[in-house]
Every structure is written in structure tokens, then in C-alpha cells.
Amino acid sequence: MQRSISSTKNVYSNLLHYQKPPTAAMITRQQPPCDVFINHRGIDTKKNVAGLLYNHLTRLRLRPFLDSKNMKPGDKLFNKIDTAISGCKVGVAVFSPRYCQSYFCLHELARIMEAKKKVIPVFCDVKPSELMIKDNGRCPKHELDRFQSALEEAKYTVGITFDSSDGDWPGFLTTTTEAILENLIEVEEEEQHQKLICEVN
């Protein structure tokens, strides 16, 4: 039986508060910049799927990362994004028709997969079989191999399918948020388990 968003969020909040309150210095050094990293193609989804999801998660007092919302002029693009990916608990990859045309989208996806993060694929107006990387001659072979490996892993991960022409935005936000919260809980429980093992040893 699926938990409701409110009950799932309560469980997640309780897990977060289970730990001893950190000092200000610990927060500065250790607090991750985000809970959820939203990987997306801006031209396709920034003003709808990705943007709505970011706003919805923010209202739930989670810490999502969306480049257009979390970055400011002067930030080093790759440094900021790589730091956010390293610190996040869950990645949401929003695939769209022009996703694979973007070097930055594929770079982020590869970094998320290489960091062994939990990933929730969202296939927006595109089927997994339609996602293909084309060699335009401007990307080194080792990069193409990284991107292809990450894309294949994402395509064979259970995800969420959304047809924007259908217009069920509340349903999309509910389903996606529940999946994110469930995965955040799993990550927190695993971290707590590993922490207890370390304390015993």
C-alpha cells in the first residue's frame, strides 16, 4: 500500500531529526546543497515539468536543485553542478525530445550515475527507445561512451511516463513526489544503517 505524500514526508522528516543536532560548523561543512538534483533540458521542460516540480518540492520544504533557480551570475558552471550532484541524495532525470542534444544534460546524467545516486527517470513526451546519442564529431569518444552508459542505465531503470498533452499535472506532481520521498527514505535508512554498523565496529 502506498504512503500518502504527507505521511511519507513525516517519515522522512523523522529520519532527518533522528540524528543529533549538528553544530553550526558541521552544517557549513557537511550539509548537502540539495536533497534532489533535477536534471533536465531547459528548452523543453524548465517552464513546465522541471519548474513545477522544483516549486512543488520547495513548498514541501525539501531542497531541490534546478540550475536556473540555484545558480547566480559568477558561479562556475561545472563546479556548482558537480558539487550539487555529489551532495544530493536523489537525482530526477527529466527526459524530453531534445534531451540527448545537450552536452550538459548528458554530462549531469553521467555524473549522477557515476556517483551511484538513486535516480528516478521521468520520460516526458518521449519513449525510452527514442532516446539516442548521436556522434556529431565534437565530443571525444570516451565522453560519448560515458554518456551512452549512463543513458542505458537510466533507460532500464523503472521510471515515470508523462504526456504533457494529457494535462494531468496534479497527477504527475503527486506520483513523482511520492517516488522522490520513497527514495529519500530509502537513502536515509541506508545511511542510518551504515552509521550504526560503523559505530558497532
Protein backbone atom coordinates (compact mmCIF):
# COMPACT_ATOMS: atom_id res chain seq x y z
CA MET A 1 0.00 0.00 0.00
CA GLN A 2 1.45 3.38 -0.97
CA ARG A 3 2.02 6.03 1.65
CA SER A 4 0.39 9.43 1.11
CA ILE A 5 2.72 12.36 0.45
CA SER A 6 2.11 13.81 3.91
CA SER A 7 2.76 10.56 5.78
CA THR A 8 5.80 9.75 3.65
CA LYS A 9 7.19 13.21 4.25
CA ASN A 10 6.63 12.79 8.00
CA VAL A 11 8.65 9.58 7.99
CA TYR A 12 11.42 11.31 6.06
CA SER A 13 11.39 14.29 8.46
CA ASN A 14 11.60 11.95 11.44
CA LEU A 15 14.59 10.19 9.93
CA LEU A 16 16.32 13.53 9.41
CA HIS A 17 15.66 14.54 13.02
CA TYR A 18 16.82 11.18 14.37
CA GLN A 19 20.41 12.37 14.22
CA LYS A 20 21.92 14.60 16.91
CA PRO A 21 21.61 18.30 16.09
CA PRO A 22 24.78 19.39 14.26
CA THR A 23 26.82 22.39 15.28
CA ALA A 24 26.94 25.45 13.02
CA ALA A 25 30.43 24.46 11.87
CA MET A 26 29.21 20.97 10.95
CA ILE A 27 26.31 22.42 8.95
CA THR A 28 28.71 24.63 7.00
CA ARG A 29 30.98 21.71 6.17
CA GLN A 30 28.61 18.77 5.83
CA GLN A 31 25.09 19.91 4.91
CA PRO A 32 24.36 18.82 1.34
CA PRO A 33 23.42 21.64 -1.02
CA CYS A 34 20.29 19.76 -2.05
CA ASP A 35 18.16 16.69 -1.41
CA VAL A 36 17.05 16.30 -5.02
CA PHE A 37 19.01 17.18 -8.17
CA ILE A 38 16.73 17.86 -11.16
CA ASN A 39 18.50 17.01 -14.41
CA HIS A 40 16.58 18.40 -17.41
CA ARG A 41 16.75 20.07 -20.82
CA GLY A 42 15.82 23.67 -20.10
CA ILE A 43 14.44 24.46 -23.55
CA ASP A 44 11.94 21.58 -23.20
CA THR A 45 10.98 21.47 -19.53
CA LYS A 46 12.28 24.41 -17.47
CA LYS A 47 8.98 26.31 -17.65
CA ASN A 48 6.74 23.32 -17.11
CA VAL A 49 7.78 19.88 -15.81
CA ALA A 50 11.10 20.74 -14.14
CA GLY A 51 9.99 24.17 -12.94
CA LEU A 52 6.71 22.92 -11.47
CA LEU A 53 8.45 20.01 -9.77
CA TYR A 54 11.07 22.34 -8.26
CA ASN A 55 8.39 24.69 -6.89
CA HIS A 56 6.34 21.80 -5.54
CA LEU A 57 9.30 20.22 -3.72
CA THR A 58 10.30 23.61 -2.33
CA ARG A 59 6.80 24.08 -0.89
CA LEU A 60 7.24 20.71 0.84
CA ARG A 61 10.41 22.16 2.42
CA LEU A 62 12.72 19.84 0.57
CA ARG A 63 15.87 21.18 -1.05
CA PRO A 64 15.72 20.64 -4.80
CA PHE A 65 18.43 21.86 -7.15
CA LEU A 66 17.50 23.37 -10.51
CA ASP A 67 20.24 25.25 -12.33
CA SER A 68 18.08 28.27 -13.23
CA LYS A 69 16.92 28.59 -9.60
CA ASN A 70 20.06 27.75 -7.62
CA MET A 71 22.81 29.35 -9.69
CA LYS A 72 23.70 33.02 -9.88
CA PRO A 73 25.93 35.11 -12.17
CA GLY A 74 29.56 34.39 -11.39
CA ASP A 75 29.08 30.75 -10.38
CA LYS A 76 31.41 28.24 -12.03
CA LEU A 77 29.01 26.08 -14.03
CA PHE A 78 30.62 22.66 -13.71
CA ASN A 79 31.86 23.22 -10.15
CA LYS A 80 28.41 24.24 -8.89
CA ILE A 81 26.61 21.42 -10.66
CA ASP A 82 29.16 18.75 -9.71
CA THR A 83 29.01 19.86 -6.06
CA ALA A 84 25.20 19.68 -6.09
CA ILE A 85 25.26 16.19 -7.62
CA SER A 86 27.86 14.97 -5.12
CA GLY A 87 25.79 16.25 -2.20
CA CYS A 88 22.33 15.22 -3.34
CA LYS A 89 20.51 12.10 -2.18
CA VAL A 90 18.29 11.50 -5.22
CA GLY A 91 18.53 12.52 -8.86
CA VAL A 92 15.50 13.11 -11.08
CA ALA A 93 16.33 12.83 -14.77
CA VAL A 94 13.63 14.52 -16.84
CA PHE A 95 13.99 13.11 -20.34
CA SER A 96 12.41 15.06 -23.19
CA PRO A 97 12.55 15.02 -27.02
CA ARG A 98 15.68 17.23 -27.26
CA TYR A 99 17.40 15.98 -24.10
CA CYS A 100 20.12 14.00 -25.88
CA GLN A 101 21.13 17.02 -27.96
CA SER A 102 22.54 18.68 -24.85
CA TYR A 103 26.11 18.02 -23.72
CA PHE A 104 25.28 19.46 -20.29
CA CYS A 105 22.28 17.17 -19.76
CA LEU A 106 24.33 14.11 -20.63
CA HIS A 107 27.28 15.27 -18.50
CA GLU A 108 24.99 15.69 -15.49
CA LEU A 109 23.38 12.29 -16.07
CA ALA A 110 26.78 10.61 -16.30
CA ARG A 111 27.93 12.32 -13.08
CA ILE A 112 24.76 11.21 -11.26
CA MET A 113 25.24 7.61 -12.38
CA GLU A 114 28.96 7.60 -11.62
CA ALA A 115 28.21 8.93 -8.12
CA LYS A 116 25.89 5.93 -7.61
CA LYS A 117 22.93 8.13 -6.71
CA LYS A 118 19.34 6.93 -6.64
CA VAL A 119 17.82 8.01 -9.95
CA ILE A 120 14.18 8.47 -10.91
CA PRO A 121 13.76 8.78 -14.70
CA VAL A 122 10.83 10.87 -15.92
CA PHE A 123 10.02 10.29 -19.58
CA CYS A 124 8.21 13.43 -20.66
CA ASP A 125 6.75 13.29 -24.18
CA VAL A 126 9.38 10.74 -25.17
CA LYS A 127 9.76 6.96 -25.02
CA PRO A 128 12.94 5.38 -23.63
CA SER A 129 13.55 3.73 -27.02
CA GLU A 130 13.57 7.18 -28.68
CA LEU A 131 16.48 8.44 -26.56
CA MET A 132 19.65 8.13 -28.61
CA ILE A 133 23.03 9.85 -28.57
CA LYS A 134 24.33 10.96 -31.95
CA ASP A 135 28.02 11.49 -32.62
CA ASN A 136 28.33 14.98 -34.11
CA GLY A 137 32.12 14.76 -34.21
CA ARG A 138 32.61 17.39 -31.48
CA CYS A 139 32.64 15.08 -28.46
CA PRO A 140 35.59 12.76 -27.62
CA LYS A 141 34.86 9.02 -27.80
CA HIS A 142 35.46 8.47 -24.08
CA GLU A 143 32.82 11.11 -23.31
CA LEU A 144 30.34 9.52 -25.70
CA ASP A 145 30.95 6.16 -24.03
CA ARG A 146 30.26 7.71 -20.59
CA PHE A 147 27.07 9.31 -21.83
CA GLN A 148 25.86 6.16 -23.57
CA SER A 149 26.49 4.04 -20.49
CA ALA A 150 24.60 6.49 -18.24
CA LEU A 151 21.71 6.76 -20.68
CA GLU A 152 21.36 2.99 -21.00
CA GLU A 153 21.34 2.62 -17.21
CA ALA A 154 18.60 5.26 -16.92
CA LYS A 155 16.52 3.73 -19.71
CA TYR A 156 16.49 0.41 -17.86
CA THR A 157 15.51 1.96 -14.52
CA VAL A 158 11.83 1.96 -13.62
CA GLY A 159 10.60 5.49 -14.21
CA ILE A 160 7.57 7.72 -14.64
CA THR A 161 5.95 8.40 -18.01
CA PHE A 162 4.21 11.71 -18.58
CA ASP A 163 2.36 13.01 -21.63
CA SER A 164 2.15 16.79 -21.27
CA SER A 165 -0.66 16.97 -23.84
CA ASP A 166 -2.80 14.90 -21.47
CA GLY A 167 -2.56 17.74 -18.97
CA ASP A 168 -2.78 15.77 -15.71
CA TRP A 169 -0.28 17.99 -13.91
CA PRO A 170 -1.60 17.33 -10.38
CA GLY A 171 -1.34 13.59 -11.01
CA PHE A 172 2.20 13.96 -12.33
CA LEU A 173 3.33 16.03 -9.33
CA THR A 174 1.73 13.60 -6.86
CA THR A 175 3.22 10.48 -8.46
CA THR A 176 6.67 11.98 -8.89
CA THR A 177 6.78 13.47 -5.40
CA GLU A 178 5.76 10.16 -3.82
CA ALA A 179 8.54 8.40 -5.75
CA ILE A 180 11.08 11.02 -4.65
CA LEU A 181 10.06 10.79 -0.99
CA GLU A 182 10.13 7.00 -1.01
CA ASN A 183 13.65 7.06 -2.45
CA LEU A 184 14.79 9.72 0.03
CA ILE A 185 13.55 7.50 2.86
CA GLU A 186 15.47 4.52 1.45
CA VAL A 187 18.66 6.57 1.22
CA GLU A 188 18.25 7.89 4.76
CA GLU A 189 17.56 4.41 6.14
CA GLU A 190 20.64 3.04 4.37
CA GLU A 191 22.78 5.88 5.73
CA GLN A 192 21.47 5.24 9.24
CA HIS A 193 22.17 1.52 8.86
CA GLN A 194 25.73 2.15 7.67
CA LYS A 195 26.25 4.60 10.54
CA LEU A 196 25.12 2.01 13.12
CA ILE A 197 27.44 -0.61 11.58
CA CYS A 198 30.37 1.79 11.83
CA GLU A 199 29.53 2.59 15.48
CA VAL A 200 29.34 -1.14 16.35
CA ASN A 201 32.66 -1.82 14.65
